[in-house]
Amino acid sequence: MAAILALFVLTFAVVLGPAAADPDLLQDVCVADLTSGVKVNGFTCKDIANISAADFSFDGLAKPGLTNNTSGSLVTAANVQKIPGLNTLGVSLSRIDYAPGGLNPPHTHPRATEMVFVLEGELDVGFITTANVLISKSIKKGEIFVFPKGLVHFQKNNGKVPAAVISAFNSQLPGTQSIAATLFAATPPVPDNVLTKAFQVGTKEVEKIKSRFAPKK
């Protein structure tokens, strides 16, 4: 399984690397200086004298994440914010764990295509095209599915055992917009009259949904 996963990541990098969503690098490395106050499209670079192997490694995907939450899933990111050495390299990974019945709710990645490799379990996955066509499939251990850049997509564990995937992205920081949270938990809030008209429901229904997304006190 480890060899298959390594091949998956390598293939993703080779195939999508030339079409990476992020700009090409102009030097060997540009390790992100996450403490810098300078704001650019990406991160400023550390002085090369101050970089180390720690800037290029991360062990956060080794263990399953805790899925005892409302959605029954947890995303553990391995992006430039966790691995500064990814700055300008145009790739990143995540691990997603799902409890039985767990859902990674409908969301988009505005800056990247995503490819998932199933580590354990079986998932129902899908994305919706701009013509509102659902492309979906059930995938199991060892299988791969691709979600095109910017399109709304989801993963659902309908099995009785936990499931997990590794996700690869052609961006150092793909970004995630959860559809429900974006609309019902924005700050300041999206006006109720926008949501009632968009979803063809009443104000009480909108307020009820907003209350479920409100931060826990």
N, C-alpha and C. Protein backbone atom coordinates (compact mmCIF):
# COMPACT_ATOMS: atom_id res chain seq x y z
N MET A 1 0.82 -1.21 0.00
CA MET A 1 0.00 0.00 0.00
C MET A 1 0.86 1.26 0.00
N ALA A 2 1.95 1.25 0.77
CA ALA A 2 2.83 2.42 0.82
C ALA A 2 3.42 2.71 -0.56
N ALA A 3 3.80 1.62 -1.29
CA ALA A 3 4.38 1.80 -2.62
C ALA A 3 3.35 2.36 -3.59
N ILE A 4 2.10 1.89 -3.47
CA ILE A 4 1.04 2.40 -4.35
C ILE A 4 0.78 3.86 -4.07
N LEU A 5 0.76 4.24 -2.77
CA LEU A 5 0.54 5.63 -2.39
C LEU A 5 1.66 6.51 -2.92
N ALA A 6 2.91 6.05 -2.81
CA ALA A 6 4.04 6.82 -3.31
C ALA A 6 3.92 7.04 -4.81
N LEU A 7 3.50 5.98 -5.54
CA LEU A 7 3.32 6.09 -6.98
C LEU A 7 2.22 7.08 -7.32
N PHE A 8 1.14 7.05 -6.51
CA PHE A 8 0.03 7.99 -6.70
C PHE A 8 0.49 9.43 -6.59
N VAL A 9 1.24 9.73 -5.55
CA VAL A 9 1.71 11.10 -5.34
C VAL A 9 2.67 11.52 -6.46
N LEU A 10 3.57 10.62 -6.85
CA LEU A 10 4.52 10.93 -7.91
C LEU A 10 3.80 11.18 -9.22
N THR A 11 2.83 10.33 -9.55
CA THR A 11 2.08 10.50 -10.79
C THR A 11 1.34 11.82 -10.80
N PHE A 12 0.73 12.17 -9.68
CA PHE A 12 0.00 13.44 -9.57
C PHE A 12 0.94 14.60 -9.85
N ALA A 13 2.13 14.57 -9.24
CA ALA A 13 3.09 15.65 -9.41
C ALA A 13 3.57 15.76 -10.85
N VAL A 14 3.83 14.61 -11.50
CA VAL A 14 4.34 14.62 -12.87
C VAL A 14 3.28 15.09 -13.86
N VAL A 15 2.04 14.56 -13.69
CA VAL A 15 0.98 14.87 -14.65
C VAL A 15 0.48 16.30 -14.50
N LEU A 16 0.25 16.72 -13.26
CA LEU A 16 -0.34 18.04 -13.04
C LEU A 16 0.70 19.11 -12.77
N GLY A 17 1.93 18.73 -12.52
CA GLY A 17 2.96 19.72 -12.23
C GLY A 17 3.08 20.80 -13.28
N PRO A 18 3.18 20.45 -14.59
CA PRO A 18 3.32 21.48 -15.61
C PRO A 18 2.11 22.39 -15.70
N ALA A 19 0.95 21.92 -15.21
CA ALA A 19 -0.26 22.73 -15.26
C ALA A 19 -0.63 23.22 -13.86
N ALA A 20 0.36 23.31 -12.99
CA ALA A 20 0.10 23.69 -11.60
C ALA A 20 -0.63 25.02 -11.52
N ALA A 21 -1.51 25.11 -10.53
CA ALA A 21 -2.27 26.34 -10.36
C ALA A 21 -1.40 27.48 -9.87
N ASP A 22 -0.31 27.17 -9.19
CA ASP A 22 0.56 28.19 -8.63
C ASP A 22 1.64 28.60 -9.63
N PRO A 23 2.22 29.81 -9.50
CA PRO A 23 3.29 30.25 -10.41
C PRO A 23 4.53 29.37 -10.28
N ASP A 24 5.31 29.29 -11.36
CA ASP A 24 6.56 28.54 -11.32
C ASP A 24 7.56 29.20 -10.38
N LEU A 25 8.42 28.36 -9.76
CA LEU A 25 9.45 28.90 -8.88
C LEU A 25 10.61 29.45 -9.72
N LEU A 26 11.31 30.43 -9.15
CA LEU A 26 12.40 31.09 -9.84
C LEU A 26 13.76 30.79 -9.21
N GLN A 27 13.78 29.86 -8.26
CA GLN A 27 15.01 29.49 -7.58
C GLN A 27 14.85 28.08 -7.03
N ASP A 28 15.90 27.52 -6.45
CA ASP A 28 15.82 26.15 -5.95
C ASP A 28 14.71 25.98 -4.93
N VAL A 29 14.71 26.83 -3.92
CA VAL A 29 13.69 26.78 -2.88
C VAL A 29 13.31 28.18 -2.46
N CYS A 30 12.11 28.30 -1.90
CA CYS A 30 11.66 29.56 -1.32
C CYS A 30 10.84 29.18 -0.10
N VAL A 31 11.51 28.79 0.96
CA VAL A 31 10.83 28.35 2.19
C VAL A 31 10.04 29.52 2.77
N ALA A 32 8.77 29.30 3.01
CA ALA A 32 7.90 30.37 3.47
C ALA A 32 8.31 30.91 4.83
N ASP A 33 8.40 32.22 4.92
CA ASP A 33 8.60 32.88 6.20
C ASP A 33 7.22 33.24 6.73
N LEU A 34 6.65 32.35 7.54
CA LEU A 34 5.28 32.52 8.01
C LEU A 34 5.14 33.64 9.03
N THR A 35 6.27 34.16 9.51
CA THR A 35 6.23 35.25 10.50
C THR A 35 6.34 36.62 9.85
N SER A 36 6.60 36.66 8.56
CA SER A 36 6.81 37.95 7.89
C SER A 36 5.52 38.74 7.79
N GLY A 37 5.63 40.04 7.97
CA GLY A 37 4.48 40.92 7.82
C GLY A 37 4.27 41.36 6.38
N VAL A 38 5.19 41.00 5.50
CA VAL A 38 5.08 41.37 4.09
C VAL A 38 4.05 40.46 3.43
N LYS A 39 3.09 41.06 2.72
CA LYS A 39 2.03 40.31 2.07
C LYS A 39 2.27 40.28 0.56
N VAL A 40 2.40 39.06 0.01
CA VAL A 40 2.58 38.88 -1.43
C VAL A 40 1.63 37.77 -1.87
N ASN A 41 1.64 37.44 -3.17
CA ASN A 41 0.80 36.35 -3.66
C ASN A 41 1.51 35.03 -3.38
N GLY A 42 1.43 34.59 -2.13
CA GLY A 42 2.21 33.48 -1.62
C GLY A 42 2.87 33.96 -0.35
N PHE A 43 4.07 33.50 -0.06
CA PHE A 43 4.78 33.92 1.14
C PHE A 43 6.19 34.37 0.76
N THR A 44 6.72 35.31 1.51
CA THR A 44 8.10 35.72 1.31
C THR A 44 9.03 34.58 1.72
N CYS A 45 10.27 34.63 1.23
CA CYS A 45 11.21 33.53 1.45
C CYS A 45 12.10 33.78 2.66
N LYS A 46 12.38 32.71 3.38
CA LYS A 46 13.40 32.77 4.42
C LYS A 46 14.77 32.94 3.78
N ASP A 47 15.70 33.49 4.54
CA ASP A 47 17.10 33.48 4.12
C ASP A 47 17.53 32.01 4.04
N ILE A 48 18.17 31.63 2.93
CA ILE A 48 18.53 30.23 2.72
C ILE A 48 19.45 29.70 3.82
N ALA A 49 20.15 30.60 4.50
CA ALA A 49 21.03 30.18 5.60
C ALA A 49 20.22 29.70 6.80
N ASN A 50 18.93 30.03 6.83
CA ASN A 50 18.11 29.70 8.00
C ASN A 50 17.14 28.55 7.75
N ILE A 51 17.26 27.87 6.62
CA ILE A 51 16.34 26.76 6.36
C ILE A 51 16.94 25.44 6.83
N SER A 52 16.05 24.45 7.04
CA SER A 52 16.50 23.14 7.49
C SER A 52 15.55 22.07 6.97
N ALA A 53 15.87 20.82 7.24
CA ALA A 53 15.03 19.71 6.81
C ALA A 53 13.63 19.80 7.43
N ALA A 54 13.53 20.41 8.59
CA ALA A 54 12.23 20.54 9.25
C ALA A 54 11.25 21.36 8.40
N ASP A 55 11.77 22.24 7.55
CA ASP A 55 10.91 23.05 6.68
C ASP A 55 10.29 22.23 5.56
N PHE A 56 10.80 21.01 5.36
CA PHE A 56 10.34 20.18 4.25
C PHE A 56 9.69 18.87 4.71
N SER A 57 9.39 18.75 5.98
CA SER A 57 8.82 17.50 6.49
C SER A 57 7.62 17.78 7.40
N PHE A 58 6.78 16.73 7.57
CA PHE A 58 5.57 16.86 8.38
C PHE A 58 5.05 15.46 8.68
N ASP A 59 4.75 15.17 9.93
CA ASP A 59 4.27 13.83 10.28
C ASP A 59 2.79 13.81 10.64
N GLY A 60 2.09 14.88 10.32
CA GLY A 60 0.70 15.02 10.74
C GLY A 60 -0.30 14.12 10.04
N LEU A 61 0.11 13.46 8.95
CA LEU A 61 -0.82 12.58 8.24
C LEU A 61 -0.67 11.12 8.64
N ALA A 62 0.24 10.86 9.59
CA ALA A 62 0.55 9.47 9.95
C ALA A 62 -0.57 8.80 10.73
N LYS A 63 -1.33 9.57 11.50
CA LYS A 63 -2.35 8.99 12.36
C LYS A 63 -3.75 9.47 11.96
N PRO A 64 -4.77 8.63 12.16
CA PRO A 64 -6.15 9.05 11.87
C PRO A 64 -6.55 10.26 12.70
N GLY A 65 -7.33 11.14 12.10
CA GLY A 65 -7.85 12.29 12.82
C GLY A 65 -9.11 11.93 13.58
N LEU A 66 -9.46 12.75 14.57
CA LEU A 66 -10.65 12.52 15.37
C LEU A 66 -11.89 12.94 14.59
N THR A 67 -12.86 12.07 14.50
CA THR A 67 -14.05 12.33 13.70
C THR A 67 -15.32 12.47 14.53
N ASN A 68 -15.15 12.73 15.83
CA ASN A 68 -16.32 12.88 16.71
C ASN A 68 -16.85 14.31 16.66
N ASN A 69 -17.31 14.70 15.48
CA ASN A 69 -17.87 16.03 15.29
C ASN A 69 -19.17 15.92 14.50
N THR A 70 -19.79 17.06 14.20
CA THR A 70 -21.11 17.05 13.56
C THR A 70 -21.12 16.33 12.23
N SER A 71 -20.08 16.54 11.41
CA SER A 71 -20.06 15.94 10.07
C SER A 71 -19.50 14.52 10.08
N GLY A 72 -18.81 14.13 11.16
CA GLY A 72 -18.22 12.80 11.21
C GLY A 72 -17.02 12.64 10.32
N SER A 73 -16.31 13.73 10.06
CA SER A 73 -15.10 13.67 9.25
C SER A 73 -14.11 14.71 9.74
N LEU A 74 -12.84 14.51 9.38
CA LEU A 74 -11.81 15.49 9.74
C LEU A 74 -10.76 15.55 8.64
N VAL A 75 -10.47 16.79 8.21
CA VAL A 75 -9.43 17.03 7.21
C VAL A 75 -8.17 17.50 7.92
N THR A 76 -7.05 16.80 7.69
CA THR A 76 -5.75 17.21 8.22
C THR A 76 -4.90 17.66 7.04
N ALA A 77 -4.61 18.94 6.97
CA ALA A 77 -3.91 19.50 5.81
C ALA A 77 -2.40 19.41 5.96
N ALA A 78 -1.74 19.18 4.84
CA ALA A 78 -0.27 19.26 4.75
C ALA A 78 0.04 20.23 3.63
N ASN A 79 -0.22 21.51 3.91
CA ASN A 79 -0.01 22.56 2.92
C ASN A 79 1.15 23.46 3.35
N VAL A 80 1.31 24.58 2.67
CA VAL A 80 2.46 25.45 2.94
C VAL A 80 2.44 26.00 4.36
N GLN A 81 1.27 26.08 4.96
CA GLN A 81 1.20 26.58 6.33
C GLN A 81 1.73 25.56 7.33
N LYS A 82 1.78 24.29 6.94
CA LYS A 82 2.33 23.24 7.79
C LYS A 82 3.74 22.84 7.34
N ILE A 83 4.01 22.98 6.04
CA ILE A 83 5.31 22.62 5.46
C ILE A 83 5.81 23.82 4.68
N PRO A 84 6.54 24.73 5.32
CA PRO A 84 6.97 25.98 4.66
C PRO A 84 7.74 25.75 3.37
N GLY A 85 8.43 24.61 3.25
CA GLY A 85 9.20 24.32 2.06
C GLY A 85 8.36 24.12 0.81
N LEU A 86 7.04 23.99 0.96
CA LEU A 86 6.15 23.85 -0.20
C LEU A 86 5.96 25.17 -0.93
N ASN A 87 6.36 26.26 -0.33
CA ASN A 87 6.16 27.57 -0.95
C ASN A 87 6.75 27.59 -2.36
N THR A 88 5.93 27.96 -3.35
CA THR A 88 6.24 28.05 -4.79
C THR A 88 6.31 26.71 -5.49
N LEU A 89 6.10 25.58 -4.80
CA LEU A 89 6.23 24.28 -5.45
C LEU A 89 4.94 23.77 -6.09
N GLY A 90 3.80 24.37 -5.75
CA GLY A 90 2.56 24.05 -6.45
C GLY A 90 1.93 22.72 -6.13
N VAL A 91 2.25 22.13 -4.96
CA VAL A 91 1.63 20.86 -4.56
C VAL A 91 1.36 20.88 -3.06
N SER A 92 0.40 20.06 -2.63
CA SER A 92 0.14 19.84 -1.21
C SER A 92 -0.71 18.59 -1.06
N LEU A 93 -0.84 18.12 0.17
CA LEU A 93 -1.63 16.93 0.48
C LEU A 93 -2.57 17.21 1.65
N SER A 94 -3.54 16.35 1.81
CA SER A 94 -4.36 16.31 3.02
C SER A 94 -4.70 14.86 3.31
N ARG A 95 -5.00 14.58 4.56
CA ARG A 95 -5.59 13.31 4.94
C ARG A 95 -7.01 13.60 5.41
N ILE A 96 -7.97 12.80 4.96
CA ILE A 96 -9.35 12.96 5.40
C ILE A 96 -9.80 11.65 6.03
N ASP A 97 -10.28 11.73 7.26
CA ASP A 97 -10.80 10.56 7.97
C ASP A 97 -12.31 10.70 8.13
N TYR A 98 -13.00 9.58 8.02
CA TYR A 98 -14.47 9.55 8.07
C TYR A 98 -14.93 8.49 9.06
N ALA A 99 -15.79 8.87 9.97
CA ALA A 99 -16.46 7.89 10.82
C ALA A 99 -17.51 7.16 9.97
N PRO A 100 -18.02 6.02 10.43
CA PRO A 100 -19.14 5.41 9.72
C PRO A 100 -20.28 6.42 9.57
N GLY A 101 -20.73 6.62 8.36
CA GLY A 101 -21.76 7.62 8.10
C GLY A 101 -21.23 9.03 7.96
N GLY A 102 -19.91 9.21 8.08
CA GLY A 102 -19.32 10.55 8.04
C GLY A 102 -19.37 11.19 6.65
N LEU A 103 -19.43 12.51 6.65
CA LEU A 103 -19.54 13.27 5.40
C LEU A 103 -18.50 14.39 5.38
N ASN A 104 -17.78 14.51 4.27
CA ASN A 104 -17.03 15.74 3.99
C ASN A 104 -17.98 16.59 3.16
N PRO A 105 -18.60 17.61 3.78
CA PRO A 105 -19.74 18.30 3.15
C PRO A 105 -19.37 18.95 1.81
N PRO A 106 -20.38 19.22 0.98
CA PRO A 106 -20.13 19.87 -0.30
C PRO A 106 -19.29 21.13 -0.15
N HIS A 107 -18.21 21.22 -0.95
CA HIS A 107 -17.28 22.32 -0.86
C HIS A 107 -16.54 22.48 -2.18
N THR A 108 -15.74 23.52 -2.29
CA THR A 108 -14.91 23.74 -3.47
C THR A 108 -13.49 24.09 -3.05
N HIS A 109 -12.54 23.88 -3.97
CA HIS A 109 -11.17 24.36 -3.81
C HIS A 109 -10.91 25.33 -4.95
N PRO A 110 -10.94 26.63 -4.68
CA PRO A 110 -10.86 27.62 -5.76
C PRO A 110 -9.52 27.65 -6.48
N ARG A 111 -8.47 27.09 -5.87
CA ARG A 111 -7.15 27.21 -6.48
C ARG A 111 -6.54 25.88 -6.91
N ALA A 112 -7.29 24.78 -6.89
CA ALA A 112 -6.64 23.50 -7.19
C ALA A 112 -7.62 22.41 -7.62
N THR A 113 -7.11 21.51 -8.46
CA THR A 113 -7.73 20.21 -8.72
C THR A 113 -7.33 19.29 -7.57
N GLU A 114 -8.24 18.38 -7.20
CA GLU A 114 -7.97 17.44 -6.11
C GLU A 114 -8.06 16.00 -6.62
N MET A 115 -7.14 15.15 -6.16
CA MET A 115 -7.17 13.73 -6.46
C MET A 115 -7.11 12.97 -5.15
N VAL A 116 -8.06 12.06 -4.91
CA VAL A 116 -8.07 11.30 -3.66
C VAL A 116 -7.70 9.84 -3.91
N PHE A 117 -6.93 9.29 -2.98
CA PHE A 117 -6.52 7.88 -2.99
C PHE A 117 -7.06 7.25 -1.71
N VAL A 118 -7.86 6.21 -1.83
CA VAL A 118 -8.51 5.60 -0.67
C VAL A 118 -7.53 4.71 0.09
N LEU A 119 -7.29 5.08 1.35
CA LEU A 119 -6.43 4.27 2.22
C LEU A 119 -7.18 3.11 2.84
N GLU A 120 -8.38 3.40 3.33
CA GLU A 120 -9.19 2.39 4.01
C GLU A 120 -10.67 2.68 3.76
N GLY A 121 -11.48 1.62 3.72
CA GLY A 121 -12.92 1.79 3.64
C GLY A 121 -13.43 2.01 2.23
N GLU A 122 -14.66 2.50 2.16
CA GLU A 122 -15.32 2.74 0.88
C GLU A 122 -16.13 4.03 0.99
N LEU A 123 -16.13 4.83 -0.06
CA LEU A 123 -16.79 6.13 -0.04
C LEU A 123 -17.65 6.32 -1.28
N ASP A 124 -18.74 7.06 -1.11
CA ASP A 124 -19.50 7.57 -2.24
C ASP A 124 -19.01 9.00 -2.48
N VAL A 125 -18.52 9.28 -3.68
CA VAL A 125 -17.94 10.59 -3.97
C VAL A 125 -18.59 11.16 -5.23
N GLY A 126 -18.49 12.48 -5.38
CA GLY A 126 -19.02 13.07 -6.59
C GLY A 126 -18.76 14.56 -6.67
N PHE A 127 -18.88 15.09 -7.89
CA PHE A 127 -18.80 16.53 -8.11
C PHE A 127 -19.92 16.94 -9.06
N ILE A 128 -20.24 18.23 -9.05
CA ILE A 128 -21.32 18.76 -9.88
C ILE A 128 -20.73 19.73 -10.88
N THR A 129 -21.05 19.54 -12.16
CA THR A 129 -20.54 20.43 -13.20
C THR A 129 -21.31 21.75 -13.19
N THR A 130 -20.83 22.71 -13.96
CA THR A 130 -21.53 24.01 -14.04
C THR A 130 -22.85 23.89 -14.79
N ALA A 131 -23.08 22.74 -15.42
CA ALA A 131 -24.39 22.48 -16.04
C ALA A 131 -25.30 21.71 -15.09
N ASN A 132 -24.89 21.62 -13.81
CA ASN A 132 -25.65 20.93 -12.76
C ASN A 132 -25.80 19.43 -13.02
N VAL A 133 -24.77 18.83 -13.58
CA VAL A 133 -24.74 17.38 -13.79
C VAL A 133 -23.87 16.77 -12.69
N LEU A 134 -24.41 15.77 -11.98
CA LEU A 134 -23.67 15.08 -10.93
C LEU A 134 -22.86 13.94 -11.53
N ILE A 135 -21.55 13.96 -11.28
CA ILE A 135 -20.65 12.87 -11.66
C ILE A 135 -20.25 12.18 -10.37
N SER A 136 -20.70 10.92 -10.17
CA SER A 136 -20.49 10.28 -8.88
C SER A 136 -20.11 8.81 -9.05
N LYS A 137 -19.52 8.25 -7.99
CA LYS A 137 -19.04 6.87 -8.02
C LYS A 137 -18.78 6.40 -6.60
N SER A 138 -18.83 5.11 -6.37
CA SER A 138 -18.37 4.51 -5.12
C SER A 138 -16.94 4.05 -5.32
N ILE A 139 -16.05 4.43 -4.42
CA ILE A 139 -14.65 4.04 -4.54
C ILE A 139 -14.22 3.33 -3.26
N LYS A 140 -13.31 2.37 -3.42
CA LYS A 140 -12.85 1.59 -2.28
C LYS A 140 -11.34 1.60 -2.19
N LYS A 141 -10.80 0.92 -1.19
CA LYS A 141 -9.37 0.90 -0.89
C LYS A 141 -8.52 0.68 -2.15
N GLY A 142 -7.54 1.59 -2.34
CA GLY A 142 -6.63 1.49 -3.47
C GLY A 142 -7.10 2.22 -4.71
N GLU A 143 -8.35 2.74 -4.70
CA GLU A 143 -8.88 3.42 -5.89
C GLU A 143 -8.71 4.94 -5.77
N ILE A 144 -8.85 5.61 -6.92
CA ILE A 144 -8.60 7.05 -7.04
C ILE A 144 -9.81 7.72 -7.68
N PHE A 145 -10.06 8.97 -7.27
CA PHE A 145 -11.09 9.78 -7.93
C PHE A 145 -10.58 11.22 -7.99
N VAL A 146 -10.96 11.93 -9.06
CA VAL A 146 -10.49 13.30 -9.29
C VAL A 146 -11.65 14.27 -9.23
N PHE A 147 -11.43 15.40 -8.54
CA PHE A 147 -12.40 16.49 -8.47
C PHE A 147 -11.80 17.70 -9.19
N PRO A 148 -12.37 18.12 -10.33
CA PRO A 148 -11.81 19.24 -11.08
C PRO A 148 -11.81 20.55 -10.29
N LYS A 149 -10.85 21.36 -10.57
CA LYS A 149 -10.66 22.65 -9.88
C LYS A 149 -11.93 23.48 -9.86
N GLY A 150 -12.28 23.96 -8.67
CA GLY A 150 -13.37 24.92 -8.52
C GLY A 150 -14.77 24.34 -8.48
N LEU A 151 -14.94 23.05 -8.80
CA LEU A 151 -16.29 22.48 -8.83
C LEU A 151 -16.70 21.95 -7.45
N VAL A 152 -17.98 22.10 -7.13
CA VAL A 152 -18.51 21.62 -5.85
C VAL A 152 -18.42 20.10 -5.81
N HIS A 153 -17.93 19.55 -4.69
CA HIS A 153 -17.78 18.10 -4.57
C HIS A 153 -17.94 17.66 -3.12
N PHE A 154 -18.00 16.35 -2.91
CA PHE A 154 -18.25 15.80 -1.57
C PHE A 154 -17.72 14.38 -1.51
N GLN A 155 -17.60 13.87 -0.27
CA GLN A 155 -17.32 12.45 -0.02
C GLN A 155 -18.16 11.99 1.16
N LYS A 156 -18.74 10.80 1.05
CA LYS A 156 -19.62 10.27 2.10
C LYS A 156 -19.28 8.82 2.38
N ASN A 157 -19.07 8.51 3.66
CA ASN A 157 -18.82 7.13 4.08
C ASN A 157 -20.15 6.50 4.47
N ASN A 158 -20.70 5.67 3.61
CA ASN A 158 -21.96 5.00 3.90
C ASN A 158 -21.74 3.62 4.52
N GLY A 159 -20.47 3.28 4.80
CA GLY A 159 -20.15 1.98 5.37
C GLY A 159 -20.29 1.96 6.88
N LYS A 160 -20.05 0.79 7.46
CA LYS A 160 -20.16 0.58 8.90
C LYS A 160 -18.81 0.63 9.60
N VAL A 161 -17.75 0.90 8.83
CA VAL A 161 -16.40 1.00 9.39
C VAL A 161 -15.79 2.33 8.97
N PRO A 162 -14.78 2.83 9.70
CA PRO A 162 -14.13 4.08 9.33
C PRO A 162 -13.49 3.99 7.94
N ALA A 163 -13.31 5.15 7.32
CA ALA A 163 -12.65 5.24 6.02
C ALA A 163 -11.64 6.38 6.07
N ALA A 164 -10.69 6.37 5.13
CA ALA A 164 -9.68 7.42 5.08
C ALA A 164 -9.14 7.54 3.67
N VAL A 165 -8.78 8.76 3.28
CA VAL A 165 -8.15 9.01 1.98
C VAL A 165 -6.96 9.94 2.17
N ILE A 166 -6.05 9.90 1.18
CA ILE A 166 -5.05 10.94 1.02
C ILE A 166 -5.45 11.77 -0.19
N SER A 167 -5.50 13.09 -0.03
CA SER A 167 -5.85 13.99 -1.13
C SER A 167 -4.61 14.73 -1.59
N ALA A 168 -4.43 14.82 -2.91
CA ALA A 168 -3.32 15.58 -3.49
C ALA A 168 -3.89 16.77 -4.26
N PHE A 169 -3.19 17.90 -4.18
CA PHE A 169 -3.63 19.14 -4.83
C PHE A 169 -2.49 19.75 -5.63
N ASN A 170 -2.82 20.40 -6.75
CA ASN A 170 -1.80 21.10 -7.51
C ASN A 170 -1.74 22.58 -7.11
N SER A 171 -1.68 22.79 -5.80
CA SER A 171 -1.49 24.12 -5.23
C SER A 171 -0.89 23.96 -3.85
N GLN A 172 -0.03 24.90 -3.46
CA GLN A 172 0.54 24.85 -2.12
C GLN A 172 -0.49 25.19 -1.06
N LEU A 173 -1.57 25.87 -1.46
CA LEU A 173 -2.63 26.27 -0.52
C LEU A 173 -3.94 26.34 -1.30
N PRO A 174 -4.60 25.19 -1.51
CA PRO A 174 -5.74 25.14 -2.42
C PRO A 174 -6.95 25.95 -1.98
N GLY A 175 -7.09 26.18 -0.68
CA GLY A 175 -8.26 26.89 -0.17
C GLY A 175 -9.48 25.98 -0.18
N THR A 176 -10.37 26.19 0.78
CA THR A 176 -11.60 25.39 0.86
C THR A 176 -12.76 26.31 1.20
N GLN A 177 -13.83 26.21 0.43
CA GLN A 177 -15.06 26.91 0.75
C GLN A 177 -16.18 25.88 0.92
N SER A 178 -16.57 25.65 2.17
CA SER A 178 -17.70 24.77 2.45
C SER A 178 -18.98 25.53 2.11
N ILE A 179 -19.80 24.94 1.25
CA ILE A 179 -20.96 25.67 0.73
C ILE A 179 -21.89 26.14 1.85
N ALA A 180 -22.27 25.22 2.74
CA ALA A 180 -23.21 25.58 3.81
C ALA A 180 -22.61 26.61 4.76
N ALA A 181 -21.38 26.37 5.20
CA ALA A 181 -20.75 27.29 6.15
C ALA A 181 -20.51 28.66 5.52
N THR A 182 -20.14 28.67 4.24
CA THR A 182 -19.89 29.94 3.54
C THR A 182 -21.15 30.80 3.53
N LEU A 183 -22.29 30.17 3.29
CA LEU A 183 -23.53 30.92 3.15
C LEU A 183 -24.20 31.23 4.48
N PHE A 184 -24.08 30.30 5.45
CA PHE A 184 -24.85 30.45 6.69
C PHE A 184 -24.00 30.83 7.90
N ALA A 185 -22.71 30.95 7.73
CA ALA A 185 -21.86 31.32 8.87
C ALA A 185 -20.87 32.43 8.51
N ALA A 186 -21.17 33.19 7.46
CA ALA A 186 -20.27 34.28 7.05
C ALA A 186 -20.29 35.40 8.08
N THR A 187 -19.20 36.16 8.13
CA THR A 187 -19.09 37.32 9.01
C THR A 187 -18.67 38.54 8.20
N PRO A 188 -19.47 39.62 8.16
CA PRO A 188 -20.86 39.69 8.66
C PRO A 188 -21.77 38.73 7.89
N PRO A 189 -22.94 38.43 8.44
CA PRO A 189 -23.80 37.41 7.84
C PRO A 189 -24.38 37.82 6.49
N VAL A 190 -24.59 36.80 5.65
CA VAL A 190 -25.33 37.02 4.41
C VAL A 190 -26.76 37.40 4.78
N PRO A 191 -27.33 38.46 4.20
CA PRO A 191 -28.69 38.88 4.59
C PRO A 191 -29.71 37.77 4.41
N ASP A 192 -30.63 37.68 5.35
CA ASP A 192 -31.67 36.65 5.30
C ASP A 192 -32.47 36.72 4.00
N ASN A 193 -32.75 37.96 3.51
CA ASN A 193 -33.58 38.06 2.31
C ASN A 193 -32.87 37.53 1.07
N VAL A 194 -31.53 37.47 1.10
CA VAL A 194 -30.79 36.84 0.01
C VAL A 194 -30.95 35.33 0.08
N LEU A 195 -30.81 34.78 1.28
CA LEU A 195 -30.89 33.32 1.45
C LEU A 195 -32.30 32.79 1.27
N THR A 196 -33.29 33.53 1.74
CA THR A 196 -34.67 33.06 1.58
C THR A 196 -35.05 33.00 0.10
N LYS A 197 -34.60 33.99 -0.66
CA LYS A 197 -34.93 34.00 -2.08
C LYS A 197 -34.14 32.94 -2.84
N ALA A 198 -32.86 32.77 -2.47
CA ALA A 198 -32.02 31.81 -3.16
C ALA A 198 -32.49 30.37 -2.94
N PHE A 199 -32.91 30.07 -1.69
CA PHE A 199 -33.29 28.70 -1.36
C PHE A 199 -34.80 28.48 -1.33
N GLN A 200 -35.56 29.56 -1.59
CA GLN A 200 -37.01 29.46 -1.64
C GLN A 200 -37.58 28.88 -0.35
N VAL A 201 -37.09 29.43 0.79
CA VAL A 201 -37.58 29.04 2.11
C VAL A 201 -37.88 30.31 2.90
N GLY A 202 -38.48 30.14 4.08
CA GLY A 202 -38.82 31.27 4.90
C GLY A 202 -37.68 31.70 5.81
N THR A 203 -37.86 32.88 6.43
CA THR A 203 -36.85 33.44 7.32
C THR A 203 -36.59 32.53 8.52
N LYS A 204 -37.63 31.88 9.05
CA LYS A 204 -37.44 31.00 10.20
C LYS A 204 -36.50 29.85 9.86
N GLU A 205 -36.66 29.29 8.67
CA GLU A 205 -35.79 28.19 8.26
C GLU A 205 -34.34 28.65 8.15
N VAL A 206 -34.15 29.84 7.58
CA VAL A 206 -32.80 30.40 7.43
C VAL A 206 -32.16 30.62 8.79
N GLU A 207 -32.91 31.21 9.71
CA GLU A 207 -32.38 31.48 11.04
C GLU A 207 -32.06 30.18 11.78
N LYS A 208 -32.87 29.16 11.56
CA LYS A 208 -32.63 27.87 12.21
C LYS A 208 -31.32 27.27 11.72
N ILE A 209 -31.08 27.35 10.41
CA ILE A 209 -29.83 26.82 9.86
C ILE A 209 -28.65 27.64 10.35
N LYS A 210 -28.77 28.96 10.36
CA LYS A 210 -27.68 29.81 10.84
C LYS A 210 -27.33 29.48 12.29
N SER A 211 -28.33 29.19 13.09
CA SER A 211 -28.08 28.89 14.52
C SER A 211 -27.25 27.62 14.67
N ARG A 212 -27.42 26.68 13.75
CA ARG A 212 -26.66 25.44 13.83
C ARG A 212 -25.20 25.62 13.43
N PHE A 213 -24.92 26.67 12.68
CA PHE A 213 -23.55 26.96 12.28
C PHE A 213 -22.88 27.99 13.18
N ALA A 214 -23.63 28.53 14.14
CA ALA A 214 -23.07 29.54 15.03
C ALA A 214 -21.95 28.93 15.88
N PRO A 215 -20.89 29.71 16.17
CA PRO A 215 -19.79 29.19 17.00
C PRO A 215 -20.29 28.74 18.36
N LYS A 216 -19.77 27.60 18.84
CA LYS A 216 -20.15 27.10 20.16
C LYS A 216 -19.55 27.99 21.25
N LYS A 217 -20.35 28.36 22.23
CA LYS A 217 -19.88 29.23 23.32
C LYS A 217 -19.45 28.38 24.52
